């Protein structure tokens, strides 16, 4: 069984740009770059759909890394635990204050 190839984004962009140029057919590009024609069509479609994002102003150029997501999740968990602690402190006050 063969392993899947993981192509880097630069390679995908180069192949998709070649496909957009239209100087060669997708079949010719597939044999030249050693990838399946369907994959080239997918990369070409992704490039075409995502091209507008390159020219957006005021937006981040890089997607938010998952550390921001982790920090937000941790802050939510801290808030959740703080509410639970406050609730328990109120309910247990009669027994603790004796």
C-alpha atoms as a PDB file:
ATOM      1  CA  UNK A   1       0.000   0.000   0.000  1.00  0.00           C
ATOM      2  CA  UNK A   2       1.419   3.377  -0.953  1.00  0.00           C
ATOM      3  CA  UNK A   3       1.670   6.317   1.411  1.00  0.00           C
ATOM      4  CA  UNK A   4      -0.180   9.554   0.793  1.00  0.00           C
ATOM      5  CA  UNK A   5       1.954  12.439  -0.347  1.00  0.00           C
ATOM      6  CA  UNK A   6       1.802  15.664   1.624  1.00  0.00           C
ATOM      7  CA  UNK A   7       2.554  18.566  -0.664  1.00  0.00           C
ATOM      8  CA  UNK A   8       3.612  21.879   0.777  1.00  0.00           C
ATOM      9  CA  UNK A   9       1.513  24.998   0.110  1.00  0.00           C
ATOM     10  CA  UNK A  10       4.109  26.509  -2.233  1.00  0.00           C
ATOM     11  CA  UNK A  11       3.957  23.438  -4.482  1.00  0.00           C
ATOM     12  CA  UNK A  12       0.149  23.480  -4.478  1.00  0.00           C
ATOM     13  CA  UNK A  13       0.108  27.176  -5.360  1.00  0.00           C
ATOM     14  CA  UNK A  14       2.581  26.688  -8.199  1.00  0.00           C
ATOM     15  CA  UNK A  15       0.560  23.829  -9.704  1.00  0.00           C
ATOM     16  CA  UNK A  16      -2.737  25.724  -9.290  1.00  0.00           C
ATOM     17  CA  UNK A  17      -1.270  28.833 -10.947  1.00  0.00           C
ATOM     18  CA  UNK A  18      -0.037  26.736 -13.859  1.00  0.00           C
ATOM     19  CA  UNK A  19      -3.545  25.299 -14.198  1.00  0.00           C
ATOM     20  CA  UNK A  20      -5.082  28.793 -14.111  1.00  0.00           C
ATOM     21  CA  UNK A  21      -2.728  29.974 -16.852  1.00  0.00           C
ATOM     22  CA  UNK A  22      -4.214  27.389 -19.182  1.00  0.00           C
ATOM     23  CA  UNK A  23      -1.048  26.932 -21.235  1.00  0.00           C
ATOM     24  CA  UNK A  24      -1.151  23.174 -20.611  1.00  0.00           C
ATOM     25  CA  UNK A  25      -4.010  20.806 -20.010  1.00  0.00           C
ATOM     26  CA  UNK A  26      -4.662  19.458 -16.540  1.00  0.00           C
ATOM     27  CA  UNK A  27      -3.611  16.006 -17.732  1.00  0.00           C
ATOM     28  CA  UNK A  28      -0.278  17.363 -18.938  1.00  0.00           C
ATOM     29  CA  UNK A  29       0.236  19.186 -15.643  1.00  0.00           C
ATOM     30  CA  UNK A  30      -0.647  16.023 -13.724  1.00  0.00           C
ATOM     31  CA  UNK A  31       2.007  13.996 -15.503  1.00  0.00           C
ATOM     32  CA  UNK A  32       4.539  16.835 -15.244  1.00  0.00           C
ATOM     33  CA  UNK A  33       4.085  17.331 -11.472  1.00  0.00           C
ATOM     34  CA  UNK A  34       3.197  13.745 -10.581  1.00  0.00           C
ATOM     35  CA  UNK A  35      -0.220  14.389  -9.059  1.00  0.00           C
ATOM     36  CA  UNK A  36      -3.734  13.262  -9.961  1.00  0.00           C
ATOM     37  CA  UNK A  37      -5.766  15.578 -12.236  1.00  0.00           C
ATOM     38  CA  UNK A  38      -8.598  15.687  -9.701  1.00  0.00           C
ATOM     39  CA  UNK A  39      -6.161  17.051  -7.120  1.00  0.00           C
ATOM     40  CA  UNK A  40      -5.119  19.799  -9.517  1.00  0.00           C
ATOM     41  CA  UNK A  41      -8.776  20.740 -10.059  1.00  0.00           C
ATOM     42  CA  UNK A  42      -9.277  20.956  -6.273  1.00  0.00           C
ATOM     43  CA  UNK A  43      -6.184  23.134  -5.794  1.00  0.00           C
ATOM     44  CA  UNK A  44      -7.235  25.347  -8.684  1.00  0.00           C
ATOM     45  CA  UNK A  45     -10.721  25.778  -7.198  1.00  0.00           C
ATOM     46  CA  UNK A  46      -9.249  26.549  -3.754  1.00  0.00           C
ATOM     47  CA  UNK A  47      -6.925  29.156  -5.232  1.00  0.00           C
ATOM     48  CA  UNK A  48      -9.738  30.735  -7.211  1.00  0.00           C
ATOM     49  CA  UNK A  49     -12.076  30.878  -4.176  1.00  0.00           C
ATOM     50  CA  UNK A  50      -9.407  32.128  -1.756  1.00  0.00           C
ATOM     51  CA  UNK A  51      -7.829  34.743  -4.019  1.00  0.00           C
ATOM     52  CA  UNK A  52     -10.097  37.535  -2.737  1.00  0.00           C
ATOM     53  CA  UNK A  53      -8.778  37.057   0.809  1.00  0.00           C
ATOM     54  CA  UNK A  54      -5.322  38.145  -0.301  1.00  0.00           C
ATOM     55  CA  UNK A  55      -6.591  41.622  -1.109  1.00  0.00           C
ATOM     56  CA  UNK A  56      -8.761  42.225   1.949  1.00  0.00           C
ATOM     57  CA  UNK A  57      -7.665  45.283   3.914  1.00  0.00           C
ATOM     58  CA  UNK A  58      -7.519  45.460   7.661  1.00  0.00           C
ATOM     59  CA  UNK A  59      -7.715  41.720   8.083  1.00  0.00           C
ATOM     60  CA  UNK A  60      -5.129  39.412   9.527  1.00  0.00           C
ATOM     61  CA  UNK A  61      -2.910  37.893   6.875  1.00  0.00           C
ATOM     62  CA  UNK A  62      -2.420  34.740   8.919  1.00  0.00           C
ATOM     63  CA  UNK A  63      -5.196  32.695  10.442  1.00  0.00           C
ATOM     64  CA  UNK A  64      -5.435  32.933  14.221  1.00  0.00           C
ATOM     65  CA  UNK A  65      -3.254  30.243  15.703  1.00  0.00           C
ATOM     66  CA  UNK A  66      -4.819  27.754  18.035  1.00  0.00           C
ATOM     67  CA  UNK A  67      -3.084  29.280  21.078  1.00  0.00           C
ATOM     68  CA  UNK A  68      -5.734  32.046  21.043  1.00  0.00           C
ATOM     69  CA  UNK A  69      -8.437  29.396  20.981  1.00  0.00           C
ATOM     70  CA  UNK A  70      -6.789  27.533  23.850  1.00  0.00           C
ATOM     71  CA  UNK A  71      -6.503  30.715  25.928  1.00  0.00           C
ATOM     72  CA  UNK A  72     -10.178  31.523  25.382  1.00  0.00           C
ATOM     73  CA  UNK A  73     -11.167  27.972  26.324  1.00  0.00           C
ATOM     74  CA  UNK A  74      -9.064  28.161  29.481  1.00  0.00           C
ATOM     75  CA  UNK A  75     -10.574  31.512  30.450  1.00  0.00           C
ATOM     76  CA  UNK A  76     -14.040  30.029  30.000  1.00  0.00           C
ATOM     77  CA  UNK A  77     -13.112  27.068  32.196  1.00  0.00           C
ATOM     78  CA  UNK A  78     -11.706  29.390  34.899  1.00  0.00           C
ATOM     79  CA  UNK A  79     -14.945  31.371  34.898  1.00  0.00           C
ATOM     80  CA  UNK A  80     -16.970  28.186  35.127  1.00  0.00           C
ATOM     81  CA  UNK A  81     -14.941  26.946  38.105  1.00  0.00           C
ATOM     82  CA  UNK A  82     -15.134  30.333  39.826  1.00  0.00           C
ATOM     83  CA  UNK A  83     -18.948  30.277  39.598  1.00  0.00           C
ATOM     84  CA  UNK A  84     -19.019  26.728  40.979  1.00  0.00           C
ATOM     85  CA  UNK A  85     -16.716  27.706  43.885  1.00  0.00           C
ATOM     86  CA  UNK A  86     -18.877  30.717  44.747  1.00  0.00           C
ATOM     87  CA  UNK A  87     -22.011  28.585  44.684  1.00  0.00           C
ATOM     88  CA  UNK A  88     -20.492  25.947  46.942  1.00  0.00           C
ATOM     89  CA  UNK A  89     -19.094  28.575  49.321  1.00  0.00           C
ATOM     90  CA  UNK A  90     -22.602  30.034  49.752  1.00  0.00           C
ATOM     91  CA  UNK A  91     -24.245  26.648  50.256  1.00  0.00           C
ATOM     92  CA  UNK A  92     -21.621  25.376  52.694  1.00  0.00           C
ATOM     93  CA  UNK A  93     -21.372  28.604  54.708  1.00  0.00           C
ATOM     94  CA  UNK A  94     -23.720  27.427  57.485  1.00  0.00           C
ATOM     95  CA  UNK A  95     -21.541  24.380  58.191  1.00  0.00           C
ATOM     96  CA  UNK A  96     -18.173  26.111  57.808  1.00  0.00           C
ATOM     97  CA  UNK A  97     -18.956  29.134  60.025  1.00  0.00           C
ATOM     98  CA  UNK A  98     -19.746  27.003  63.143  1.00  0.00           C
END
